[in-house]
C-alpha atoms as a PDB file:
ATOM      1  CA  GLN A   1       0.000   0.000   0.000  1.00  0.00           C
ATOM      2  CA  VAL A   2       1.461   3.312  -1.176  1.00  0.00           C
ATOM      3  CA  GLN A   3       0.166   6.609   0.134  1.00  0.00           C
ATOM      4  CA  LEU A   4       0.712   9.996  -1.488  1.00  0.00           C
ATOM      5  CA  VAL A   5       0.352  12.972   0.835  1.00  0.00           C
ATOM      6  CA  GLU A   6      -0.235  16.324  -0.854  1.00  0.00           C
ATOM      7  CA  SER A   7      -0.041  19.821   0.560  1.00  0.00           C
ATOM      8  CA  GLY A   8       0.189  23.433  -0.543  1.00  0.00           C
ATOM      9  CA  GLY A   9      -3.112  24.036  -2.283  1.00  0.00           C
ATOM     10  CA  GLY A  10      -5.349  26.975  -1.543  1.00  0.00           C
ATOM     11  CA  LEU A  11      -6.806  30.226  -2.786  1.00  0.00           C
ATOM     12  CA  VAL A  12      -4.595  32.741  -4.559  1.00  0.00           C
ATOM     13  CA  GLN A  13      -5.129  35.851  -6.667  1.00  0.00           C
ATOM     14  CA  PRO A  14      -4.212  35.952 -10.356  1.00  0.00           C
ATOM     15  CA  GLY A  15      -0.489  36.502 -10.752  1.00  0.00           C
ATOM     16  CA  GLY A  16       0.232  34.899  -7.409  1.00  0.00           C
ATOM     17  CA  SER A  17       2.214  31.794  -6.556  1.00  0.00           C
ATOM     18  CA  LEU A  18       1.741  28.475  -4.812  1.00  0.00           C
ATOM     19  CA  ARG A  19       4.025  25.541  -4.131  1.00  0.00           C
ATOM     20  CA  LEU A  20       2.611  22.033  -4.016  1.00  0.00           C
ATOM     21  CA  SER A  21       4.349  19.144  -2.295  1.00  0.00           C
ATOM     22  CA  CYS A  22       3.738  15.414  -2.519  1.00  0.00           C
ATOM     23  CA  ALA A  23       5.475  12.728  -0.485  1.00  0.00           C
ATOM     24  CA  ALA A  24       5.164   9.033  -1.241  1.00  0.00           C
ATOM     25  CA  SER A  25       5.244   6.552   1.619  1.00  0.00           C
ATOM     26  CA  GLY A  26       4.524   2.898   2.215  1.00  0.00           C
ATOM     27  CA  SER A  27       5.678  -0.296   0.618  1.00  0.00           C
ATOM     28  CA  MET A  28       7.293   0.238  -2.765  1.00  0.00           C
ATOM     29  CA  PHE A  29      10.296  -0.895  -4.722  1.00  0.00           C
ATOM     30  CA  SER A  30      11.597   2.190  -6.461  1.00  0.00           C
ATOM     31  CA  ILE A  31       9.803   5.326  -7.615  1.00  0.00           C
ATOM     32  CA  TYR A  32      10.559   5.763 -11.303  1.00  0.00           C
ATOM     33  CA  ALA A  33       8.606   8.946 -11.899  1.00  0.00           C
ATOM     34  CA  MET A  34       6.356  11.409 -10.117  1.00  0.00           C
ATOM     35  CA  GLY A  35       4.117  14.078 -11.486  1.00  0.00           C
ATOM     36  CA  TRP A  36       1.099  16.307 -11.203  1.00  0.00           C
ATOM     37  CA  TYR A  37      -2.222  16.075 -12.979  1.00  0.00           C
ATOM     38  CA  ARG A  38      -5.183  18.401 -12.695  1.00  0.00           C
ATOM     39  CA  GLN A  39      -8.892  18.184 -13.323  1.00  0.00           C
ATOM     40  CA  ALA A  40     -11.345  21.054 -13.561  1.00  0.00           C
ATOM     41  CA  PRO A  41     -15.123  20.548 -13.243  1.00  0.00           C
ATOM     42  CA  GLY A  42     -16.555  19.099 -16.431  1.00  0.00           C
ATOM     43  CA  LYS A  43     -13.135  18.410 -17.920  1.00  0.00           C
ATOM     44  CA  GLN A  44     -10.964  15.331 -18.070  1.00  0.00           C
ATOM     45  CA  ARG A  45      -7.786  14.924 -16.091  1.00  0.00           C
ATOM     46  CA  GLU A  46      -4.671  16.258 -17.801  1.00  0.00           C
ATOM     47  CA  LEU A  47      -0.949  16.012 -17.190  1.00  0.00           C
ATOM     48  CA  VAL A  48       0.600  19.205 -15.829  1.00  0.00           C
ATOM     49  CA  ALA A  49       4.207  18.153 -15.260  1.00  0.00           C
ATOM     50  CA  SER A  50       6.251  15.050 -14.589  1.00  0.00           C
ATOM     51  CA  ILE A  51       9.785  14.158 -13.600  1.00  0.00           C
ATOM     52  CA  THR A  52      11.692  10.881 -13.629  1.00  0.00           C
ATOM     53  CA  SER A  53      14.173   9.717 -11.036  1.00  0.00           C
ATOM     54  CA  GLY A  54      16.883  10.617 -13.542  1.00  0.00           C
ATOM     55  CA  GLY A  55      15.695  14.211 -13.760  1.00  0.00           C
ATOM     56  CA  SER A  56      13.914  14.202 -17.110  1.00  0.00           C
ATOM     57  CA  THR A  57      10.976  16.641 -17.043  1.00  0.00           C
ATOM     58  CA  ASN A  58       7.887  17.184 -19.124  1.00  0.00           C
ATOM     59  CA  TYR A  59       5.393  20.068 -19.016  1.00  0.00           C
ATOM     60  CA  ALA A  60       2.056  20.857 -20.528  1.00  0.00           C
ATOM     61  CA  ASP A  61       2.339  23.701 -23.028  1.00  0.00           C
ATOM     62  CA  SER A  62      -0.082  25.794 -20.998  1.00  0.00           C
ATOM     63  CA  VAL A  63       2.241  25.916 -17.971  1.00  0.00           C
ATOM     64  CA  LYS A  64       5.682  26.102 -19.574  1.00  0.00           C
ATOM     65  CA  GLY A  65       7.643  29.049 -18.248  1.00  0.00           C
ATOM     66  CA  ARG A  66       5.342  29.422 -15.248  1.00  0.00           C
ATOM     67  CA  PHE A  67       5.497  26.078 -13.418  1.00  0.00           C
ATOM     68  CA  THR A  68       8.592  24.187 -12.296  1.00  0.00           C
ATOM     69  CA  ILE A  69       8.668  20.588 -11.103  1.00  0.00           C
ATOM     70  CA  SER A  70      11.469  19.298  -8.891  1.00  0.00           C
ATOM     71  CA  ARG A  71      12.210  16.194  -6.864  1.00  0.00           C
ATOM     72  CA  ASP A  72      13.944  14.774  -3.840  1.00  0.00           C
ATOM     73  CA  ASN A  73      14.534  11.113  -4.641  1.00  0.00           C
ATOM     74  CA  ALA A  74      15.783  10.272  -1.158  1.00  0.00           C
ATOM     75  CA  LYS A  75      12.463  11.400   0.296  1.00  0.00           C
ATOM     76  CA  ASN A  76      10.319  10.233  -2.633  1.00  0.00           C
ATOM     77  CA  THR A  77       8.949  13.749  -2.770  1.00  0.00           C
ATOM     78  CA  VAL A  78       7.969  15.938  -5.690  1.00  0.00           C
ATOM     79  CA  TYR A  79       7.298  19.674  -5.727  1.00  0.00           C
ATOM     80  CA  LEU A  80       5.440  21.929  -8.112  1.00  0.00           C
ATOM     81  CA  GLN A  81       6.266  25.626  -7.985  1.00  0.00           C
ATOM     82  CA  MET A  82       3.452  27.548  -9.649  1.00  0.00           C
ATOM     83  CA  ASN A  83       4.055  31.183 -10.565  1.00  0.00           C
ATOM     84  CA  SER A  84       2.020  33.734 -12.498  1.00  0.00           C
ATOM     85  CA  LEU A  85      -1.142  31.797 -11.769  1.00  0.00           C
ATOM     86  CA  LYS A  86      -4.180  32.336 -13.959  1.00  0.00           C
ATOM     87  CA  PRO A  87      -7.882  31.660 -13.339  1.00  0.00           C
ATOM     88  CA  GLU A  88      -7.715  28.829 -15.867  1.00  0.00           C
ATOM     89  CA  ASP A  89      -5.251  27.057 -13.566  1.00  0.00           C
ATOM     90  CA  THR A  90      -8.102  26.488 -11.129  1.00  0.00           C
ATOM     91  CA  ALA A  91      -8.535  22.744 -10.645  1.00  0.00           C
ATOM     92  CA  VAL A  92      -8.007  19.847  -8.310  1.00  0.00           C
ATOM     93  CA  TYR A  93      -4.360  18.859  -8.552  1.00  0.00           C
ATOM     94  CA  TYR A  94      -3.485  15.187  -8.153  1.00  0.00           C
ATOM     95  CA  CYS A  95      -0.091  13.773  -7.326  1.00  0.00           C
ATOM     96  CA  ASN A  96       0.970  10.670  -9.228  1.00  0.00           C
ATOM     97  CA  ALA A  97       3.795   8.224  -8.637  1.00  0.00           C
ATOM     98  CA  VAL A  98       5.017   5.341 -10.771  1.00  0.00           C
ATOM     99  CA  ASP A  99       6.605   2.435  -8.952  1.00  0.00           C
ATOM    100  CA  ARG A 100       8.852   0.450 -11.274  1.00  0.00           C
ATOM    101  CA  VAL A 101       9.655  -3.180 -10.566  1.00  0.00           C
ATOM    102  CA  VAL A 102      12.382  -4.782 -12.649  1.00  0.00           C
ATOM    103  CA  GLY A 103      11.844  -8.526 -12.772  1.00  0.00           C
ATOM    104  CA  VAL A 104      13.311 -11.371 -14.742  1.00  0.00           C
ATOM    105  CA  GLY A 105      12.605 -10.634 -18.387  1.00  0.00           C
ATOM    106  CA  ALA A 106      10.037  -7.937 -17.679  1.00  0.00           C
ATOM    107  CA  ILE A 107       9.500  -4.463 -16.235  1.00  0.00           C
ATOM    108  CA  TYR A 108       6.307  -3.614 -14.361  1.00  0.00           C
ATOM    109  CA  ASP A 109       5.061  -0.064 -13.730  1.00  0.00           C
ATOM    110  CA  TYR A 110       2.351   0.638 -11.145  1.00  0.00           C
ATOM    111  CA  ASP A 111       0.488   3.937 -10.787  1.00  0.00           C
ATOM    112  CA  TYR A 112      -0.515   5.485  -7.462  1.00  0.00           C
ATOM    113  CA  TRP A 113      -2.625   8.590  -6.887  1.00  0.00           C
ATOM    114  CA  GLY A 114      -3.115  11.133  -4.154  1.00  0.00           C
ATOM    115  CA  GLN A 115      -6.483  12.389  -2.961  1.00  0.00           C
ATOM    116  CA  GLY A 116      -6.064  15.739  -4.684  1.00  0.00           C
ATOM    117  CA  THR A 117      -5.624  19.278  -3.460  1.00  0.00           C
ATOM    118  CA  GLN A 118      -7.742  22.226  -4.559  1.00  0.00           C
ATOM    119  CA  VAL A 119      -6.078  25.172  -6.257  1.00  0.00           C
ATOM    120  CA  THR A 120      -8.319  28.180  -6.833  1.00  0.00           C
ATOM    121  CA  VAL A 121      -7.103  31.277  -8.672  1.00  0.00           C
ATOM    122  CA  SER A 122      -9.568  34.118  -8.295  1.00  0.00           C
ATOM    123  CA  SER A 123      -9.660  37.828  -7.572  1.00  0.00           C
END
């Protein structure tokens, strides 16, 4: 059982900043990648940013230049620094972790999800 604990969400004015944190705990082999997804009411969940244990990052076009994802592999923790926030960034943000198990002749990836944290950008 893997648990993802998120923090840092809240209400902020347009142009403001927030920093989200997510720590993975429990029984796991090795976290291969962690990332952030978001889902607004009436819309499907979308990838915001991700980072592998090796440091490779990926961002949605809508957040490039404004959001920065970082990691602490020793703590299995991922951070999302969000600057220049816009009303369209309003959503529930979900932490995701991929646990990779390297077996004999195969590699298995398992996804885990946090409960979500609300980010509201409004004046």
